[in-house]
Amino acid sequence: VDVLTIQLSKAPVEESDQDKPGVILDYDKDGNIVGLEI
């Protein structure tokens, strides 16, 4: 699928947001970034 995933924490992803085209940020329940996908 040509996706690079960087997991920063083992915390469950509560929300994801594609603020910029091609980059998805994953957040935990407290709003901390726990991962990103390119």
Full PDB file with SEQRES, HELIX, SHEET, SSBOND, CRYST1, ORIGX, SCALE, CONECT and MASTER records, all heavy atoms in Angstrom:
SEQRES   1 A   38  VAL ASP VAL LEU THR ILE GLN LEU SER LYS ALA PRO VAL          
SEQRES   2 A   38  GLU GLU SER ASP GLN ASP LYS PRO GLY VAL ILE LEU ASP          
SEQRES   3 A   38  TYR ASP LYS ASP GLY ASN ILE VAL GLY LEU GLU ILE              
SHEET    1 AA1 4 THR A   5  GLN A   7  0                                        
SHEET    2 AA1 4 ILE A  33  GLU A  37 -1                                        
SHEET    3 AA1 4 VAL A  23  TYR A  27 -1                                        
SHEET    4 AA1 4 GLU A  15  LYS A  20 -1                                        
CRYST1    1.000    1.000    1.000  90.00  90.00  90.00 P 1           1          
ORIGX1      1.000000  0.000000  0.000000        0.00000                         
ORIGX2      0.000000  1.000000  0.000000        0.00000                         
ORIGX3      0.000000  0.000000  1.000000        0.00000                         
SCALE1      1.000000  0.000000  0.000000        0.00000                         
SCALE2      0.000000  1.000000  0.000000        0.00000                         
SCALE3      0.000000  0.000000  1.000000        0.00000                         
ATOM      1  N   VAL A   1       0.821  -1.215   0.000  1.00  0.00           N  
ATOM      2  CA  VAL A   1       0.000   0.000   0.000  1.00  0.00           C  
ATOM      3  C   VAL A   1       0.856   1.267   0.000  1.00  0.00           C  
ATOM      4  O   VAL A   1       0.318   2.369  -0.011  1.00  0.00           O  
ATOM      5  CB  VAL A   1      -0.997   0.022   1.189  1.00  0.00           C  
ATOM      6  CG1 VAL A   1      -2.039  -1.052   1.015  1.00  0.00           C  
ATOM      7  CG2 VAL A   1      -0.283  -0.130   2.512  1.00  0.00           C  
ATOM      8  N   ASP A   2       2.187   1.092   0.013  1.00  0.00           N  
ATOM      9  CA  ASP A   2       3.150   2.192  -0.039  1.00  0.00           C  
ATOM     10  C   ASP A   2       2.942   3.195   1.096  1.00  0.00           C  
ATOM     11  O   ASP A   2       2.835   4.400   0.877  1.00  0.00           O  
ATOM     12  CB  ASP A   2       3.087   2.897  -1.404  1.00  0.00           C  
ATOM     13  CG  ASP A   2       4.296   3.769  -1.674  1.00  0.00           C  
ATOM     14  OD1 ASP A   2       5.343   3.577  -1.028  1.00  0.00           O  
ATOM     15  OD2 ASP A   2       4.193   4.662  -2.538  1.00  0.00           O  
ATOM     16  N   VAL A   3       2.881   2.650   2.328  1.00  0.00           N  
ATOM     17  CA  VAL A   3       2.682   3.484   3.521  1.00  0.00           C  
ATOM     18  C   VAL A   3       3.800   3.209   4.521  1.00  0.00           C  
ATOM     19  O   VAL A   3       4.101   2.059   4.840  1.00  0.00           O  
ATOM     20  CB  VAL A   3       1.309   3.208   4.175  1.00  0.00           C  
ATOM     21  CG1 VAL A   3       1.182   3.943   5.499  1.00  0.00           C  
ATOM     22  CG2 VAL A   3       0.185   3.606   3.242  1.00  0.00           C  
ATOM     23  N   LEU A   4       4.409   4.281   5.007  1.00  0.00           N  
ATOM     24  CA  LEU A   4       5.404   4.195   6.070  1.00  0.00           C  
ATOM     25  C   LEU A   4       4.720   4.600   7.372  1.00  0.00           C  
ATOM     26  O   LEU A   4       4.133   5.678   7.456  1.00  0.00           O  
ATOM     27  CB  LEU A   4       6.582   5.136   5.797  1.00  0.00           C  
ATOM     28  CG  LEU A   4       7.684   5.143   6.846  1.00  0.00           C  
ATOM     29  CD1 LEU A   4       8.458   3.831   6.795  1.00  0.00           C  
ATOM     30  CD2 LEU A   4       8.623   6.310   6.633  1.00  0.00           C  
ATOM     31  N   THR A   5       4.760   3.712   8.354  1.00  0.00           N  
ATOM     32  CA  THR A   5       4.113   3.956   9.645  1.00  0.00           C  
ATOM     33  C   THR A   5       5.174   4.073  10.726  1.00  0.00           C  
ATOM     34  O   THR A   5       6.060   3.222  10.819  1.00  0.00           O  
ATOM     35  CB  THR A   5       3.153   2.806   9.995  1.00  0.00           C  
ATOM     36  OG1 THR A   5       2.200   2.657   8.951  1.00  0.00           O  
ATOM     37  CG2 THR A   5       2.432   3.069  11.307  1.00  0.00           C  
ATOM     38  N   ILE A   6       5.077   5.118  11.523  1.00  0.00           N  
ATOM     39  CA  ILE A   6       5.971   5.308  12.659  1.00  0.00           C  
ATOM     40  C   ILE A   6       5.104   5.335  13.908  1.00  0.00           C  
ATOM     41  O   ILE A   6       4.281   6.230  14.086  1.00  0.00           O  
ATOM     42  CB  ILE A   6       6.785   6.607  12.537  1.00  0.00           C  
ATOM     43  CG1 ILE A   6       7.590   6.583  11.241  1.00  0.00           C  
ATOM     44  CG2 ILE A   6       7.693   6.790  13.755  1.00  0.00           C  
ATOM     45  CD1 ILE A   6       8.269   7.887  10.908  1.00  0.00           C  
ATOM     46  N   GLN A   7       5.271   4.320  14.751  1.00  0.00           N  
ATOM     47  CA  GLN A   7       4.507   4.215  15.990  1.00  0.00           C  
ATOM     48  C   GLN A   7       5.385   4.726  17.126  1.00  0.00           C  
ATOM     49  O   GLN A   7       6.440   4.167  17.409  1.00  0.00           O  
ATOM     50  CB  GLN A   7       4.110   2.754  16.231  1.00  0.00           C  
ATOM     51  CG  GLN A   7       3.311   2.540  17.466  1.00  0.00           C  
ATOM     52  CD  GLN A   7       3.000   1.058  17.692  1.00  0.00           C  
ATOM     53  OE1 GLN A   7       3.461   0.188  16.970  1.00  0.00           O  
ATOM     54  NE2 GLN A   7       2.226   0.792  18.712  1.00  0.00           N  
ATOM     55  N   LEU A   8       4.961   5.813  17.756  1.00  0.00           N  
ATOM     56  CA  LEU A   8       5.744   6.439  18.819  1.00  0.00           C  
ATOM     57  C   LEU A   8       5.405   5.905  20.197  1.00  0.00           C  
ATOM     58  O   LEU A   8       6.204   6.015  21.120  1.00  0.00           O  
ATOM     59  CB  LEU A   8       5.519   7.959  18.787  1.00  0.00           C  
ATOM     60  CG  LEU A   8       5.844   8.644  17.460  1.00  0.00           C  
ATOM     61  CD1 LEU A   8       5.406  10.108  17.513  1.00  0.00           C  
ATOM     62  CD2 LEU A   8       7.311   8.527  17.141  1.00  0.00           C  
ATOM     63  N   SER A   9       4.213   5.350  20.332  1.00  0.00           N  
ATOM     64  CA  SER A   9       3.729   4.885  21.628  1.00  0.00           C  
ATOM     65  C   SER A   9       2.810   3.692  21.415  1.00  0.00           C  
ATOM     66  O   SER A   9       2.232   3.526  20.342  1.00  0.00           O  
ATOM     67  CB  SER A   9       2.949   6.020  22.305  1.00  0.00           C  
ATOM     68  OG  SER A   9       2.222   5.549  23.402  1.00  0.00           O  
ATOM     69  N   LYS A  10       2.666   2.874  22.449  1.00  0.00           N  
ATOM     70  CA  LYS A  10       1.743   1.739  22.374  1.00  0.00           C  
ATOM     71  C   LYS A  10       0.324   2.130  22.789  1.00  0.00           C  
ATOM     72  O   LYS A  10      -0.576   1.298  22.795  1.00  0.00           O  
ATOM     73  CB  LYS A  10       2.246   0.601  23.258  1.00  0.00           C  
ATOM     74  CG  LYS A  10       3.502  -0.031  22.721  1.00  0.00           C  
ATOM     75  CD  LYS A  10       3.918  -1.214  23.557  1.00  0.00           C  
ATOM     76  CE  LYS A  10       5.191  -1.825  22.983  1.00  0.00           C  
ATOM     77  NZ  LYS A  10       5.603  -3.022  23.718  1.00  0.00           N  
ATOM     78  N   ALA A  11       0.134   3.398  23.110  1.00  0.00           N  
ATOM     79  CA  ALA A  11      -1.198   3.877  23.503  1.00  0.00           C  
ATOM     80  C   ALA A  11      -2.167   3.702  22.333  1.00  0.00           C  
ATOM     81  O   ALA A  11      -1.793   3.899  21.175  1.00  0.00           O  
ATOM     82  CB  ALA A  11      -1.139   5.346  23.902  1.00  0.00           C  
ATOM     83  N   PRO A  12      -3.409   3.328  22.616  1.00  0.00           N  
ATOM     84  CA  PRO A  12      -4.397   3.159  21.553  1.00  0.00           C  
ATOM     85  C   PRO A  12      -4.669   4.476  20.822  1.00  0.00           C  
ATOM     86  O   PRO A  12      -4.673   5.549  21.424  1.00  0.00           O  
ATOM     87  CB  PRO A  12      -5.653   2.703  22.276  1.00  0.00           C  
ATOM     88  CG  PRO A  12      -5.245   2.340  23.653  1.00  0.00           C  
ATOM     89  CD  PRO A  12      -3.949   3.022  23.933  1.00  0.00           C  
ATOM     90  N   VAL A  13      -4.890   4.370  19.523  1.00  0.00           N  
ATOM     91  CA  VAL A  13      -5.213   5.539  18.704  1.00  0.00           C  
ATOM     92  C   VAL A  13      -6.685   5.866  18.915  1.00  0.00           C  
ATOM     93  O   VAL A  13      -7.563   5.041  18.713  1.00  0.00           O  
ATOM     94  CB  VAL A  13      -4.930   5.270  17.213  1.00  0.00           C  
ATOM     95  CG1 VAL A  13      -5.387   6.444  16.362  1.00  0.00           C  
ATOM     96  CG2 VAL A  13      -3.452   4.983  16.999  1.00  0.00           C  
ATOM     97  N   GLU A  14      -6.932   7.084  19.346  1.00  0.00           N  
ATOM     98  CA  GLU A  14      -8.295   7.554  19.592  1.00  0.00           C  
ATOM     99  C   GLU A  14      -8.820   8.343  18.388  1.00  0.00           C  
ATOM    100  O   GLU A  14     -10.000   8.318  18.085  1.00  0.00           O  
ATOM    101  CB  GLU A  14      -8.310   8.432  20.843  1.00  0.00           C  
ATOM    102  CG  GLU A  14      -9.663   8.825  21.330  1.00  0.00           C  
ATOM    103  CD  GLU A  14     -10.441   7.680  21.957  1.00  0.00           C  
ATOM    104  OE1 GLU A  14      -9.829   6.709  22.446  1.00  0.00           O  
ATOM    105  OE2 GLU A  14     -11.682   7.756  21.956  1.00  0.00           O  
ATOM    106  N   GLU A  15      -7.907   9.039  17.709  1.00  0.00           N  
ATOM    107  CA  GLU A  15      -8.312   9.896  16.601  1.00  0.00           C  
ATOM    108  C   GLU A  15      -7.152  10.019  15.621  1.00  0.00           C  
ATOM    109  O   GLU A  15      -5.988   9.993  16.015  1.00  0.00           O  
ATOM    110  CB  GLU A  15      -8.680  11.281  17.139  1.00  0.00           C  
ATOM    111  CG  GLU A  15      -9.142  12.256  16.103  1.00  0.00           C  
ATOM    112  CD  GLU A  15      -9.470  13.623  16.691  1.00  0.00           C  
ATOM    113  OE1 GLU A  15      -9.539  13.770  17.924  1.00  0.00           O  
ATOM    114  OE2 GLU A  15      -9.634  14.545  15.899  1.00  0.00           O  
ATOM    115  N   SER A  16      -7.477  10.137  14.343  1.00  0.00           N  
ATOM    116  CA  SER A  16      -6.472  10.368  13.306  1.00  0.00           C  
ATOM    117  C   SER A  16      -6.870  11.605  12.515  1.00  0.00           C  
ATOM    118  O   SER A  16      -8.052  11.886  12.341  1.00  0.00           O  
ATOM    119  CB  SER A  16      -6.377   9.165  12.371  1.00  0.00           C  
ATOM    120  OG  SER A  16      -5.932   8.026  13.065  1.00  0.00           O  
ATOM    121  N   ASP A  17      -5.853  12.331  12.035  1.00  0.00           N  
ATOM    122  CA  ASP A  17      -6.125  13.567  11.319  1.00  0.00           C  
ATOM    123  C   ASP A  17      -5.107  13.728  10.192  1.00  0.00           C  
ATOM    124  O   ASP A  17      -3.910  13.550  10.409  1.00  0.00           O  
ATOM    125  CB  ASP A  17      -6.022  14.750  12.284  1.00  0.00           C  
ATOM    126  CG  ASP A  17      -6.364  16.078  11.643  1.00  0.00           C  
ATOM    127  OD1 ASP A  17      -7.177  16.101  10.701  1.00  0.00           O  
ATOM    128  OD2 ASP A  17      -5.828  17.096  12.098  1.00  0.00           O  
ATOM    129  N   GLN A  18      -5.599  14.051   9.006  1.00  0.00           N  
ATOM    130  CA  GLN A  18      -4.712  14.308   7.876  1.00  0.00           C  
ATOM    131  C   GLN A  18      -4.656  15.816   7.668  1.00  0.00           C  
ATOM    132  O   GLN A  18      -5.335  16.380   6.832  1.00  0.00           O  
ATOM    133  CB  GLN A  18      -5.205  13.599   6.617  1.00  0.00           C  
ATOM    134  CG  GLN A  18      -4.229  13.676   5.484  1.00  0.00           C  
ATOM    135  CD  GLN A  18      -4.618  12.816   4.297  1.00  0.00           C  
ATOM    136  OE1 GLN A  18      -5.529  12.030   4.326  1.00  0.00           O  
ATOM    137  NE2 GLN A  18      -3.895  12.977   3.212  1.00  0.00           N  
ATOM    138  N   ASP A  19      -3.814  16.464   8.470  1.00  0.00           N  
ATOM    139  CA  ASP A  19      -3.679  17.916   8.429  1.00  0.00           C  
ATOM    140  C   ASP A  19      -3.049  18.373   7.121  1.00  0.00           C  
ATOM    141  O   ASP A  19      -3.457  19.357   6.531  1.00  0.00           O  
ATOM    142  CB  ASP A  19      -2.852  18.394   9.620  1.00  0.00           C  
ATOM    143  CG  ASP A  19      -2.830  19.899   9.747  1.00  0.00           C  
ATOM    144  OD1 ASP A  19      -3.906  20.517   9.633  1.00  0.00           O  
ATOM    145  OD2 ASP A  19      -1.740  20.456   9.961  1.00  0.00           O  
ATOM    146  N   LYS A  20      -2.041  17.665   6.682  1.00  0.00           N  
ATOM    147  CA  LYS A  20      -1.357  17.947   5.409  1.00  0.00           C  
ATOM    148  C   LYS A  20      -1.573  16.752   4.483  1.00  0.00           C  
ATOM    149  O   LYS A  20      -1.587  15.610   4.946  1.00  0.00           O  
ATOM    150  CB  LYS A  20       0.149  18.143   5.626  1.00  0.00           C  
ATOM    151  CG  LYS A  20       0.505  19.245   6.586  1.00  0.00           C  
ATOM    152  CD  LYS A  20       0.289  20.595   5.962  1.00  0.00           C  
ATOM    153  CE  LYS A  20       0.757  21.685   6.909  1.00  0.00           C  
ATOM    154  NZ  LYS A  20       0.340  22.987   6.511  1.00  0.00           N  
ATOM    155  N   PRO A  21      -1.701  16.981   3.192  1.00  0.00           N  
ATOM    156  CA  PRO A  21      -1.902  15.861   2.263  1.00  0.00           C  
ATOM    157  C   PRO A  21      -0.764  14.845   2.352  1.00  0.00           C  
ATOM    158  O   PRO A  21       0.410  15.205   2.325  1.00  0.00           O  
ATOM    159  CB  PRO A  21      -1.911  16.531   0.889  1.00  0.00           C  
ATOM    160  CG  PRO A  21      -2.259  17.955   1.150  1.00  0.00           C  
ATOM    161  CD  PRO A  21      -1.702  18.266   2.508  1.00  0.00           C  
ATOM    162  N   GLY A  22      -1.122  13.579   2.524  1.00  0.00           N  
ATOM    163  CA  GLY A  22      -0.143  12.507   2.534  1.00  0.00           C  
ATOM    164  C   GLY A  22       0.447  12.174   3.883  1.00  0.00           C  
ATOM    165  O   GLY A  22       1.246  11.250   3.996  1.00  0.00           O  
ATOM    166  N   VAL A  23       0.075  12.908   4.939  1.00  0.00           N  
ATOM    167  CA  VAL A  23       0.593  12.627   6.282  1.00  0.00           C  
ATOM    168  C   VAL A  23      -0.580  12.548   7.255  1.00  0.00           C  
ATOM    169  O   VAL A  23      -1.348  13.496   7.396  1.00  0.00           O  
ATOM    170  CB  VAL A  23       1.584  13.718   6.761  1.00  0.00           C  
ATOM    171  CG1 VAL A  23       2.071  13.414   8.165  1.00  0.00           C  
ATOM    172  CG2 VAL A  23       2.757  13.831   5.808  1.00  0.00           C  
ATOM    173  N   ILE A  24      -0.709  11.400   7.908  1.00  0.00           N  
ATOM    174  CA  ILE A  24      -1.782  11.196   8.881  1.00  0.00           C  
ATOM    175  C   ILE A  24      -1.162  11.127  10.271  1.00  0.00           C  
ATOM    176  O   ILE A  24      -0.227  10.349  10.506  1.00  0.00           O  
ATOM    177  CB  ILE A  24      -2.555   9.900   8.587  1.00  0.00           C  
ATOM    178  CG1 ILE A  24      -3.212   9.992   7.213  1.00  0.00           C  
ATOM    179  CG2 ILE A  24      -3.591   9.632   9.681  1.00  0.00           C  
ATOM    180  CD1 ILE A  24      -3.852   8.708   6.743  1.00  0.00           C  
ATOM    181  N   LEU A  25      -1.652  11.950  11.175  1.00  0.00           N  
ATOM    182  CA  LEU A  25      -1.198  11.940  12.561  1.00  0.00           C  
ATOM    183  C   LEU A  25      -2.215  11.186  13.406  1.00  0.00           C  
ATOM    184  O   LEU A  25      -3.425  11.394  13.265  1.00  0.00           O  
ATOM    185  CB  LEU A  25      -1.042  13.363  13.093  1.00  0.00           C  
ATOM    186  CG  LEU A  25      -0.001  14.229  12.387  1.00  0.00           C  
ATOM    187  CD1 LEU A  25      -0.021  15.637  12.950  1.00  0.00           C  
ATOM    188  CD2 LEU A  25       1.378  13.631  12.500  1.00  0.00           C  
ATOM    189  N   ASP A  26      -1.735  10.299  14.274  1.00  0.00           N  
ATOM    190  CA  ASP A  26      -2.586   9.532  15.176  1.00  0.00           C  
ATOM    191  C   ASP A  26      -2.425  10.069  16.594  1.00  0.00           C  
ATOM    192  O   ASP A  26      -1.304  10.310  17.048  1.00  0.00           O  
ATOM    193  CB  ASP A  26      -2.196   8.053  15.155  1.00  0.00           C  
ATOM    194  CG  ASP A  26      -2.393   7.415  13.789  1.00  0.00           C  
ATOM    195  OD1 ASP A  26      -3.356   7.793  13.096  1.00  0.00           O  
ATOM    196  OD2 ASP A  26      -1.599   6.532  13.424  1.00  0.00           O  
ATOM    197  N   TYR A  27      -3.547  10.255  17.281  1.00  0.00           N  
ATOM    198  CA  TYR A  27      -3.559  10.819  18.627  1.00  0.00           C  
ATOM    199  C   TYR A  27      -4.179   9.839  19.625  1.00  0.00           C  
ATOM    200  O   TYR A  27      -5.093   9.086  19.279  1.00  0.00           O  
ATOM    201  CB  TYR A  27      -4.389  12.110  18.658  1.00  0.00           C  
ATOM    202  CG  TYR A  27      -3.877  13.172  17.728  1.00  0.00           C  
ATOM    203  CD1 TYR A  27      -4.348  13.279  16.427  1.00  0.00           C  
ATOM    204  CD2 TYR A  27      -2.924  14.093  18.155  1.00  0.00           C  
ATOM    205  CE1 TYR A  27      -3.878  14.267  15.567  1.00  0.00           C  
ATOM    206  CE2 TYR A  27      -2.451  15.084  17.303  1.00  0.00           C  
ATOM    207  CZ  TYR A  27      -2.934  15.162  16.018  1.00  0.00           C  
ATOM    208  OH  TYR A  27      -2.465  16.140  15.168  1.00  0.00           O  
ATOM    209  N   ASP A  28      -3.716   9.903  20.878  1.00  0.00           N  
ATOM    210  CA  ASP A  28      -4.343   9.118  21.939  1.00  0.00           C  
ATOM    211  C   ASP A  28      -5.507   9.914  22.523  1.00  0.00           C  
ATOM    212  O   ASP A  28      -5.825  11.015  22.060  1.00  0.00           O  
ATOM    213  CB  ASP A  28      -3.322   8.717  23.013  1.00  0.00           C  
ATOM    214  CG  ASP A  28      -2.752   9.882  23.804  1.00  0.00           C  
ATOM    215  OD1 ASP A  28      -3.260  11.027  23.685  1.00  0.00           O  
ATOM    216  OD2 ASP A  28      -1.798   9.652  24.569  1.00  0.00           O  
ATOM    217  N   LYS A  29      -6.135   9.382  23.562  1.00  0.00           N  
ATOM    218  CA  LYS A  29      -7.318  10.031  24.148  1.00  0.00           C  
ATOM    219  C   LYS A  29      -7.020  11.398  24.764  1.00  0.00           C  
ATOM    220  O   LYS A  29      -7.909  12.223  24.914  1.00  0.00           O  
ATOM    221  CB  LYS A  29      -7.973   9.118  25.187  1.00  0.00           C  
ATOM    222  CG  LYS A  29      -7.104   8.840  26.384  1.00  0.00           C  
ATOM    223  CD  LYS A  29      -7.801   7.937  27.375  1.00  0.00           C  
ATOM    224  CE  LYS A  29      -6.831   7.645  28.497  1.00  0.00           C  
ATOM    225  NZ  LYS A  29      -7.383   7.789  29.772  1.00  0.00           N  
ATOM    226  N   ASP A  30      -5.731  11.655  25.107  1.00  0.00           N  
ATOM    227  CA  ASP A  30      -5.351  12.937  25.697  1.00  0.00           C  
ATOM    228  C   ASP A  30      -4.852  13.941  24.655  1.00  0.00           C  
ATOM    229  O   ASP A  30      -4.415  15.040  25.004  1.00  0.00           O  
ATOM    230  CB  ASP A  30      -4.260  12.727  26.757  1.00  0.00           C  
ATOM    231  CG  ASP A  30      -4.760  11.892  27.922  1.00  0.00           C  
ATOM    232  OD1 ASP A  30      -5.922  12.076  28.334  1.00  0.00           O  
ATOM    233  OD2 ASP A  30      -3.986  11.030  28.411  1.00  0.00           O  
ATOM    234  N   GLY A  31      -4.896  13.560  23.377  1.00  0.00           N  
ATOM    235  CA  GLY A  31      -4.467  14.458  22.320  1.00  0.00           C  
ATOM    236  C   GLY A  31      -2.983  14.417  22.008  1.00  0.00           C  
ATOM    237  O   GLY A  31      -2.487  15.234  21.243  1.00  0.00           O  
ATOM    238  N   ASN A  32      -2.265  13.458  22.598  1.00  0.00           N  
ATOM    239  CA  ASN A  32      -0.836  13.316  22.325  1.00  0.00           C  
ATOM    240  C   ASN A  32      -0.635  12.541  21.028  1.00  0.00           C  
ATOM    241  O   ASN A  32      -1.357  11.581  20.746  1.00  0.00           O  
ATOM    242  CB  ASN A  32      -0.145  12.551  23.460  1.00  0.00           C  
ATOM    243  CG  ASN A  32      -0.275  13.266  24.772  1.00  0.00           C  
ATOM    244  OD1 ASN A  32       0.020  14.445  24.884  1.00  0.00           O  
ATOM    245  ND2 ASN A  32      -0.743  12.556  25.792  1.00  0.00           N  
ATOM    246  N   ILE A  33       0.367  12.917  20.244  1.00  0.00           N  
ATOM    247  CA  ILE A  33       0.675  12.183  19.017  1.00  0.00           C  
ATOM    248  C   ILE A  33       1.304  10.849  19.396  1.00  0.00           C  
ATOM    249  O   ILE A  33       2.287  10.805  20.137  1.00  0.00           O  
ATOM    250  CB  ILE A  33       1.632  12.987  18.115  1.00  0.00           C  
ATOM    251  CG1 ILE A  33       0.966  14.279  17.645  1.00  0.00           C  
ATOM    252  CG2 ILE A  33       2.064  12.142  16.910  1.00  0.00           C  
ATOM    253  CD1 ILE A  33       1.865  15.192  16.856  1.00  0.00           C  
ATOM    254  N   VAL A  34       0.711   9.759  18.911  1.00  0.00           N  
ATOM    255  CA  VAL A  34       1.230   8.422  19.199  1.00  0.00           C  
ATOM    256  C   VAL A  34       1.774   7.739  17.948  1.00  0.00           C  
ATOM    257  O   VAL A  34       2.387   6.683  18.032  1.00  0.00           O  
ATOM    258  CB  VAL A  34       0.168   7.535  19.886  1.00  0.00           C  
ATOM    259  CG1 VAL A  34      -0.202   8.094  21.239  1.00  0.00           C  
ATOM    260  CG2 VAL A  34      -1.066   7.369  19.012  1.00  0.00           C  
ATOM    261  N   GLY A  35       1.545   8.356  16.795  1.00  0.00           N  
ATOM    262  CA  GLY A  35       2.071   7.776  15.562  1.00  0.00           C  
ATOM    263  C   GLY A  35       1.780   8.656  14.368  1.00  0.00           C  
ATOM    264  O   GLY A  35       1.043   9.635  14.459  1.00  0.00           O  
ATOM    265  N   LEU A  36       2.404   8.277  13.262  1.00  0.00           N  
ATOM    266  CA  LEU A  36       2.128   8.976  12.022  1.00  0.00           C  
ATOM    267  C   LEU A  36       2.286   8.016  10.858  1.00  0.00           C  
ATOM    268  O   LEU A  36       3.003   7.024  10.945  1.00  0.00           O  
ATOM    269  CB  LEU A  36       3.016  10.205  11.855  1.00  0.00           C  
ATOM    270  CG  LEU A  36       4.514   9.990  11.787  1.00  0.00           C  
ATOM    271  CD1 LEU A  36       4.988  10.220  10.372  1.00  0.00           C  
ATOM    272  CD2 LEU A  36       5.195  10.969  12.711  1.00  0.00           C  
ATOM    273  N   GLU A  37       1.588   8.313   9.787  1.00  0.00           N  
ATOM    274  CA  GLU A  37       1.654   7.511   8.578  1.00  0.00           C  
ATOM    275  C   GLU A  37       1.967   8.433   7.409  1.00  0.00           C  
ATOM    276  O   GLU A  37       1.396   9.523   7.299  1.00  0.00           O  
ATOM    277  CB  GLU A  37       0.321   6.819   8.324  1.00  0.00           C  
ATOM    278  CG  GLU A  37      -0.083   5.861   9.433  1.00  0.00           C  
ATOM    279  CD  GLU A  37      -1.522   5.425   9.286  1.00  0.00           C  
ATOM    280  OE1 GLU A  37      -1.792   4.602   8.403  1.00  0.00           O  
ATOM    281  OE2 GLU A  37      -2.348   5.948  10.054  1.00  0.00           O  
ATOM    282  N   ILE A  38       2.877   7.996   6.563  1.00  0.00           N  
ATOM    283  CA  ILE A  38       3.214   8.738   5.358  1.00  0.00           C  
ATOM    284  C   ILE A  38       2.685   7.940   4.176  1.00  0.00           C  
ATOM    285  O   ILE A  38       3.141   6.813   3.927  1.00  0.00           O  
ATOM    286  CB  ILE A  38       4.729   8.975   5.243  1.00  0.00           C  
ATOM    287  CG1 ILE A  38       5.214   9.768   6.456  1.00  0.00           C  
ATOM    288  CG2 ILE A  38       5.062   9.688   3.938  1.00  0.00           C  
ATOM    289  CD1 ILE A  38       6.704   9.921   6.547  1.00  0.00           C  
TER     290      ILE A  38                                                      
MASTER        0    0    0    0    4    0    0    6  289    1    0    3          
END                                                                             
